Amino acid sequence: MKQEPDAMLENFELNKEKNTIIKYTGNEEHIAIPEGITSIMDGVFKKQKKLESIALPSTLKTIGNYAFADCDR
């Protein structure tokens, strides 16, 4: 079953335009960032010890500094 876009964004805090991830509040092993996201801000996934994989959308243009810092896997 395909997830609705809003359900895919439930663990993300976005900017006003809803195209930049400014914070991740989840604790998932596998994340799929939906199409339409163009930027991931600095340190968004920092210290996400459980994160094993992330699927990035074709619309993504910018990944901030240390976005995945201290991710062990």
PDB file of N, CA and C in Angstrom:
ATOM      1  N   MET A   1       0.845  -1.190   0.000  1.00  0.00           N
ATOM      2  CA  MET A   1       0.000   0.000   0.000  1.00  0.00           C
ATOM      3  C   MET A   1       0.885   1.246   0.000  1.00  0.00           C
ATOM      4  N   LYS A   2       0.609   2.144  -0.891  1.00  0.00           N
ATOM      5  CA  LYS A   2       1.389   3.379  -1.014  1.00  0.00           C
ATOM      6  C   LYS A   2       0.996   4.354   0.088  1.00  0.00           C
ATOM      7  N   GLN A   3       2.007   4.975   0.725  1.00  0.00           N
ATOM      8  CA  GLN A   3       1.743   5.946   1.768  1.00  0.00           C
ATOM      9  C   GLN A   3       1.329   7.283   1.170  1.00  0.00           C
ATOM     10  N   GLU A   4       0.432   7.955   1.858  1.00  0.00           N
ATOM     11  CA  GLU A   4       0.052   9.312   1.470  1.00  0.00           C
ATOM     12  C   GLU A   4       1.199  10.258   1.807  1.00  0.00           C
ATOM     13  N   PRO A   5       1.391  11.334   1.029  1.00  0.00           N
ATOM     14  CA  PRO A   5       2.496  12.265   1.295  1.00  0.00           C
ATOM     15  C   PRO A   5       2.539  12.795   2.720  1.00  0.00           C
ATOM     16  N   ASP A   6       1.383  13.153   3.307  1.00  0.00           N
ATOM     17  CA  ASP A   6       1.383  13.679   4.672  1.00  0.00           C
ATOM     18  C   ASP A   6       1.857  12.632   5.675  1.00  0.00           C
ATOM     19  N   ALA A   7       1.499  11.363   5.463  1.00  0.00           N
ATOM     20  CA  ALA A   7       1.946  10.295   6.351  1.00  0.00           C
ATOM     21  C   ALA A   7       3.454  10.118   6.251  1.00  0.00           C
ATOM     22  N   MET A   8       4.007  10.296   5.066  1.00  0.00           N
ATOM     23  CA  MET A   8       5.450  10.152   4.874  1.00  0.00           C
ATOM     24  C   MET A   8       6.221  11.269   5.569  1.00  0.00           C
ATOM     25  N   LEU A   9       5.571  12.371   5.865  1.00  0.00           N
ATOM     26  CA  LEU A   9       6.237  13.528   6.469  1.00  0.00           C
ATOM     27  C   LEU A   9       5.983  13.663   7.965  1.00  0.00           C
ATOM     28  N   GLU A  10       5.339  12.686   8.580  1.00  0.00           N
ATOM     29  CA  GLU A  10       4.927  12.864   9.972  1.00  0.00           C
ATOM     30  C   GLU A  10       6.082  13.020  10.955  1.00  0.00           C
ATOM     31  N   ASN A  11       7.261  12.507  10.660  1.00  0.00           N
ATOM     32  CA  ASN A  11       8.408  12.647  11.557  1.00  0.00           C
ATOM     33  C   ASN A  11       9.357  13.772  11.160  1.00  0.00           C
ATOM     34  N   PHE A  12       8.927  14.615  10.250  1.00  0.00           N
ATOM     35  CA  PHE A  12       9.763  15.719   9.782  1.00  0.00           C
ATOM     36  C   PHE A  12       9.137  17.057  10.129  1.00  0.00           C
ATOM     37  N   GLU A  13       9.988  18.012  10.490  1.00  0.00           N
ATOM     38  CA  GLU A  13       9.545  19.396  10.585  1.00  0.00           C
ATOM     39  C   GLU A  13      10.062  20.093   9.343  1.00  0.00           C
ATOM     40  N   LEU A  14       9.171  20.803   8.656  1.00  0.00           N
ATOM     41  CA  LEU A  14       9.500  21.436   7.385  1.00  0.00           C
ATOM     42  C   LEU A  14       9.464  22.949   7.490  1.00  0.00           C
ATOM     43  N   ASN A  15      10.082  23.595   6.526  1.00  0.00           N
ATOM     44  CA  ASN A  15       9.989  25.052   6.440  1.00  0.00           C
ATOM     45  C   ASN A  15       8.591  25.442   5.965  1.00  0.00           C
ATOM     46  N   LYS A  16       8.331  26.723   5.892  1.00  0.00           N
ATOM     47  CA  LYS A  16       7.009  27.239   5.516  1.00  0.00           C
ATOM     48  C   LYS A  16       6.583  26.776   4.117  1.00  0.00           C
ATOM     49  N   GLU A  17       7.535  26.679   3.207  1.00  0.00           N
ATOM     50  CA  GLU A  17       7.230  26.268   1.828  1.00  0.00           C
ATOM     51  C   GLU A  17       7.053  24.749   1.687  1.00  0.00           C
ATOM     52  N   LYS A  18       7.361  24.021   2.768  1.00  0.00           N
ATOM     53  CA  LYS A  18       7.234  22.561   2.811  1.00  0.00           C
ATOM     54  C   LYS A  18       8.110  21.841   1.789  1.00  0.00           C
ATOM     55  N   ASN A  19       9.318  22.405   1.565  1.00  0.00           N
ATOM     56  CA  ASN A  19      10.241  21.749   0.644  1.00  0.00           C
ATOM     57  C   ASN A  19      11.618  21.510   1.267  1.00  0.00           C
ATOM     58  N   THR A  20      11.791  21.909   2.530  1.00  0.00           N
ATOM     59  CA  THR A  20      13.069  21.748   3.220  1.00  0.00           C
ATOM     60  C   THR A  20      12.833  21.089   4.572  1.00  0.00           C
ATOM     61  N   ILE A  21      13.581  20.021   4.839  1.00  0.00           N
ATOM     62  CA  ILE A  21      13.506  19.361   6.142  1.00  0.00           C
ATOM     63  C   ILE A  21      14.417  20.114   7.094  1.00  0.00           C
ATOM     64  N   ILE A  22      13.838  20.611   8.192  1.00  0.00           N
ATOM     65  CA  ILE A  22      14.635  21.349   9.167  1.00  0.00           C
ATOM     66  C   ILE A  22      14.887  20.527  10.428  1.00  0.00           C
ATOM     67  N   LYS A  23      14.093  19.471  10.659  1.00  0.00           N
ATOM     68  CA  LYS A  23      14.289  18.627  11.834  1.00  0.00           C
ATOM     69  C   LYS A  23      13.630  17.272  11.596  1.00  0.00           C
ATOM     70  N   TYR A  24      14.273  16.221  12.114  1.00  0.00           N
ATOM     71  CA  TYR A  24      13.709  14.868  12.080  1.00  0.00           C
ATOM     72  C   TYR A  24      13.429  14.459  13.513  1.00  0.00           C
ATOM     73  N   THR A  25      12.203  14.022  13.780  1.00  0.00           N
ATOM     74  CA  THR A  25      11.801  13.686  15.141  1.00  0.00           C
ATOM     75  C   THR A  25      11.568  12.195  15.336  1.00  0.00           C
ATOM     76  N   GLY A  26      11.785  11.399  14.317  1.00  0.00           N
ATOM     77  CA  GLY A  26      11.547   9.965  14.411  1.00  0.00           C
ATOM     78  C   GLY A  26      12.774   9.200  14.871  1.00  0.00           C
ATOM     79  N   ASN A  27      12.641   7.871  14.817  1.00  0.00           N
ATOM     80  CA  ASN A  27      13.724   6.985  15.224  1.00  0.00           C
ATOM     81  C   ASN A  27      13.652   5.701  14.393  1.00  0.00           C
ATOM     82  N   GLU A  28      13.487   5.847  13.089  1.00  0.00           N
ATOM     83  CA  GLU A  28      13.294   4.712  12.193  1.00  0.00           C
ATOM     84  C   GLU A  28      14.617   4.163  11.673  1.00  0.00           C
ATOM     85  N   GLU A  29      14.594   2.909  11.245  1.00  0.00           N
ATOM     86  CA  GLU A  29      15.766   2.295  10.623  1.00  0.00           C
ATOM     87  C   GLU A  29      15.857   2.647   9.138  1.00  0.00           C
ATOM     88  N   HIS A  30      14.706   2.776   8.490  1.00  0.00           N
ATOM     89  CA  HIS A  30      14.648   3.047   7.054  1.00  0.00           C
ATOM     90  C   HIS A  30      13.722   4.235   6.819  1.00  0.00           C
ATOM     91  N   ILE A  31      14.214   5.202   6.068  1.00  0.00           N
ATOM     92  CA  ILE A  31      13.453   6.427   5.808  1.00  0.00           C
ATOM     93  C   ILE A  31      13.364   6.647   4.304  1.00  0.00           C
ATOM     94  N   ALA A  32      12.187   7.048   3.842  1.00  0.00           N
ATOM     95  CA  ALA A  32      12.001   7.460   2.453  1.00  0.00           C
ATOM     96  C   ALA A  32      11.539   8.908   2.464  1.00  0.00           C
ATOM     97  N   ILE A  33      12.361   9.766   1.932  1.00  0.00           N
ATOM     98  CA  ILE A  33      11.997  11.179   1.838  1.00  0.00           C
ATOM     99  C   ILE A  33      11.216  11.368   0.542  1.00  0.00           C
ATOM    100  N   PRO A  34      10.022  11.950   0.627  1.00  0.00           N
ATOM    101  CA  PRO A  34       9.165  12.047  -0.552  1.00  0.00           C
ATOM    102  C   PRO A  34       9.624  13.073  -1.587  1.00  0.00           C
ATOM    103  N   GLU A  35       9.163  12.873  -2.797  1.00  0.00           N
ATOM    104  CA  GLU A  35       9.395  13.837  -3.878  1.00  0.00           C
ATOM    105  C   GLU A  35       8.865  15.198  -3.448  1.00  0.00           C
ATOM    106  N   GLY A  36       9.515  16.234  -3.912  1.00  0.00           N
ATOM    107  CA  GLY A  36       9.128  17.606  -3.574  1.00  0.00           C
ATOM    108  C   GLY A  36      10.064  18.235  -2.562  1.00  0.00           C
ATOM    109  N   ILE A  37      10.749  17.395  -1.780  1.00  0.00           N
ATOM    110  CA  ILE A  37      11.739  17.912  -0.834  1.00  0.00           C
ATOM    111  C   ILE A  37      12.986  18.280  -1.632  1.00  0.00           C
ATOM    112  N   THR A  38      13.455  19.518  -1.464  1.00  0.00           N
ATOM    113  CA  THR A  38      14.625  19.985  -2.211  1.00  0.00           C
ATOM    114  C   THR A  38      15.869  20.145  -1.346  1.00  0.00           C
ATOM    115  N   SER A  39      15.688  20.247  -0.013  1.00  0.00           N
ATOM    116  CA  SER A  39      16.834  20.474   0.869  1.00  0.00           C
ATOM    117  C   SER A  39      16.673  19.752   2.198  1.00  0.00           C
ATOM    118  N   ILE A  40      17.822  19.335   2.732  1.00  0.00           N
ATOM    119  CA  ILE A  40      17.914  18.803   4.082  1.00  0.00           C
ATOM    120  C   ILE A  40      18.890  19.711   4.818  1.00  0.00           C
ATOM    121  N   MET A  41      18.445  20.315   5.889  1.00  0.00           N
ATOM    122  CA  MET A  41      19.272  21.282   6.612  1.00  0.00           C
ATOM    123  C   MET A  41      20.406  20.604   7.387  1.00  0.00           C
ATOM    124  N   ASP A  42      21.317  21.403   7.907  1.00  0.00           N
ATOM    125  CA  ASP A  42      22.458  20.925   8.684  1.00  0.00           C
ATOM    126  C   ASP A  42      22.001  20.065   9.865  1.00  0.00           C
ATOM    127  N   GLY A  43      22.641  18.914  10.040  1.00  0.00           N
ATOM    128  CA  GLY A  43      22.462  18.089  11.221  1.00  0.00           C
ATOM    129  C   GLY A  43      21.109  17.433  11.410  1.00  0.00           C
ATOM    130  N   VAL A  44      20.271  17.411  10.410  1.00  0.00           N
ATOM    131  CA  VAL A  44      18.902  16.896  10.557  1.00  0.00           C
ATOM    132  C   VAL A  44      18.865  15.461  11.098  1.00  0.00           C
ATOM    133  N   PHE A  45      19.730  14.602  10.614  1.00  0.00           N
ATOM    134  CA  PHE A  45      19.721  13.202  11.043  1.00  0.00           C
ATOM    135  C   PHE A  45      20.878  12.881  11.989  1.00  0.00           C
ATOM    136  N   LYS A  46      21.491  13.885  12.548  1.00  0.00           N
ATOM    137  CA  LYS A  46      22.647  13.703  13.428  1.00  0.00           C
ATOM    138  C   LYS A  46      22.304  12.793  14.600  1.00  0.00           C
ATOM    139  N   LYS A  47      23.185  11.837  14.867  1.00  0.00           N
ATOM    140  CA  LYS A  47      23.079  10.897  15.987  1.00  0.00           C
ATOM    141  C   LYS A  47      21.867   9.973  15.903  1.00  0.00           C
ATOM    142  N   GLN A  48      21.381   9.721  14.706  1.00  0.00           N
ATOM    143  CA  GLN A  48      20.303   8.745  14.522  1.00  0.00           C
ATOM    144  C   GLN A  48      20.936   7.355  14.480  1.00  0.00           C
ATOM    145  N   LYS A  49      21.143   6.765  15.630  1.00  0.00           N
ATOM    146  CA  LYS A  49      21.892   5.518  15.774  1.00  0.00           C
ATOM    147  C   LYS A  49      21.214   4.336  15.093  1.00  0.00           C
ATOM    148  N   LYS A  50      19.892   4.363  14.937  1.00  0.00           N
ATOM    149  CA  LYS A  50      19.172   3.247  14.322  1.00  0.00           C
ATOM    150  C   LYS A  50      19.096   3.350  12.802  1.00  0.00           C
ATOM    151  N   LEU A  51      19.372   4.503  12.241  1.00  0.00           N
ATOM    152  CA  LEU A  51      19.213   4.722  10.802  1.00  0.00           C
ATOM    153  C   LEU A  51      20.152   3.834   9.993  1.00  0.00           C
ATOM    154  N   GLU A  52      19.575   2.989   9.143  1.00  0.00           N
ATOM    155  CA  GLU A  52      20.341   2.079   8.293  1.00  0.00           C
ATOM    156  C   GLU A  52      20.321   2.486   6.831  1.00  0.00           C
ATOM    157  N   SER A  53      19.181   3.032   6.369  1.00  0.00           N
ATOM    158  CA  SER A  53      19.091   3.425   4.965  1.00  0.00           C
ATOM    159  C   SER A  53      18.142   4.600   4.810  1.00  0.00           C
ATOM    160  N   ILE A  54      18.387   5.341   3.737  1.00  0.00           N
ATOM    161  CA  ILE A  54      17.526   6.479   3.434  1.00  0.00           C
ATOM    162  C   ILE A  54      17.374   6.560   1.919  1.00  0.00           C
ATOM    163  N   ALA A  55      16.135   6.670   1.473  1.00  0.00           N
ATOM    164  CA  ALA A  55      15.843   6.827   0.050  1.00  0.00           C
ATOM    165  C   ALA A  55      15.644   8.318  -0.210  1.00  0.00           C
ATOM    166  N   LEU A  56      16.436   8.845  -1.115  1.00  0.00           N
ATOM    167  CA  LEU A  56      16.384  10.278  -1.413  1.00  0.00           C
ATOM    168  C   LEU A  56      15.581  10.535  -2.679  1.00  0.00           C
ATOM    169  N   PRO A  57      14.793  11.613  -2.703  1.00  0.00           N
ATOM    170  CA  PRO A  57      13.982  11.918  -3.881  1.00  0.00           C
ATOM    171  C   PRO A  57      14.801  12.541  -5.007  1.00  0.00           C
ATOM    172  N   SER A  58      14.302  12.446  -6.207  1.00  0.00           N
ATOM    173  CA  SER A  58      14.991  13.048  -7.361  1.00  0.00           C
ATOM    174  C   SER A  58      14.981  14.573  -7.289  1.00  0.00           C
ATOM    175  N   THR A  59      14.099  15.147  -6.474  1.00  0.00           N
ATOM    176  CA  THR A  59      13.997  16.601  -6.342  1.00  0.00           C
ATOM    177  C   THR A  59      15.035  17.193  -5.385  1.00  0.00           C
ATOM    178  N   LEU A  60      15.742  16.346  -4.637  1.00  0.00           N
ATOM    179  CA  LEU A  60      16.708  16.824  -3.647  1.00  0.00           C
ATOM    180  C   LEU A  60      17.902  17.486  -4.328  1.00  0.00           C
ATOM    181  N   LYS A  61      18.214  18.705  -3.882  1.00  0.00           N
ATOM    182  CA  LYS A  61      19.322  19.464  -4.457  1.00  0.00           C
ATOM    183  C   LYS A  61      20.425  19.747  -3.448  1.00  0.00           C
ATOM    184  N   THR A  62      20.082  19.851  -2.155  1.00  0.00           N
ATOM    185  CA  THR A  62      21.044  20.270  -1.149  1.00  0.00           C
ATOM    186  C   THR A  62      20.934  19.403   0.103  1.00  0.00           C
ATOM    187  N   ILE A  63      22.097  18.944   0.573  1.00  0.00           N
ATOM    188  CA  ILE A  63      22.181  18.256   1.861  1.00  0.00           C
ATOM    189  C   ILE A  63      23.129  19.073   2.720  1.00  0.00           C
ATOM    190  N   GLY A  64      22.635  19.522   3.864  1.00  0.00           N
ATOM    191  CA  GLY A  64      23.421  20.396   4.731  1.00  0.00           C
ATOM    192  C   GLY A  64      24.598  19.701   5.387  1.00  0.00           C
ATOM    193  N   ASN A  65      25.468  20.514   5.948  1.00  0.00           N
ATOM    194  CA  ASN A  65      26.641  20.013   6.661  1.00  0.00           C
ATOM    195  C   ASN A  65      26.231  19.120   7.820  1.00  0.00           C
ATOM    196  N   TYR A  66      26.956  18.041   7.989  1.00  0.00           N
ATOM    197  CA  TYR A  66      26.756  17.121   9.106  1.00  0.00           C
ATOM    198  C   TYR A  66      25.341  16.561   9.198  1.00  0.00           C
ATOM    199  N   ALA A  67      24.636  16.524   8.075  1.00  0.00           N
ATOM    200  CA  ALA A  67      23.255  16.026   8.069  1.00  0.00           C
ATOM    201  C   ALA A  67      23.154  14.606   8.603  1.00  0.00           C
ATOM    202  N   PHE A  68      24.201  13.813   8.405  1.00  0.00           N
ATOM    203  CA  PHE A  68      24.195  12.416   8.863  1.00  0.00           C
ATOM    204  C   PHE A  68      25.341  12.139   9.845  1.00  0.00           C
ATOM    205  N   ALA A  69      25.796  13.145  10.530  1.00  0.00           N
ATOM    206  CA  ALA A  69      26.916  12.990  11.469  1.00  0.00           C
ATOM    207  C   ALA A  69      26.555  12.042  12.597  1.00  0.00           C
ATOM    208  N   ASP A  70      27.497  11.232  12.987  1.00  0.00           N
ATOM    209  CA  ASP A  70      27.365  10.304  14.114  1.00  0.00           C
ATOM    210  C   ASP A  70      26.261   9.269  13.929  1.00  0.00           C
ATOM    211  N   CYS A  71      25.947   8.950  12.678  1.00  0.00           N
ATOM    212  CA  CYS A  71      25.063   7.819  12.383  1.00  0.00           C
ATOM    213  C   CYS A  71      25.976   6.601  12.253  1.00  0.00           C
ATOM    214  N   ASP A  72      25.777   5.612  13.070  1.00  0.00           N
ATOM    215  CA  ASP A  72      26.709   4.497  13.161  1.00  0.00           C
ATOM    216  C   ASP A  72      26.601   3.470  12.051  1.00  0.00           C
ATOM    217  N   ARG A  73      25.491   3.394  11.389  1.00  0.00           N
ATOM    218  CA  ARG A  73      25.292   2.293  10.437  1.00  0.00           C
ATOM    219  C   ARG A  73      25.505   2.712   9.021  1.00  0.00           C
TER     220      ARG A  73
END
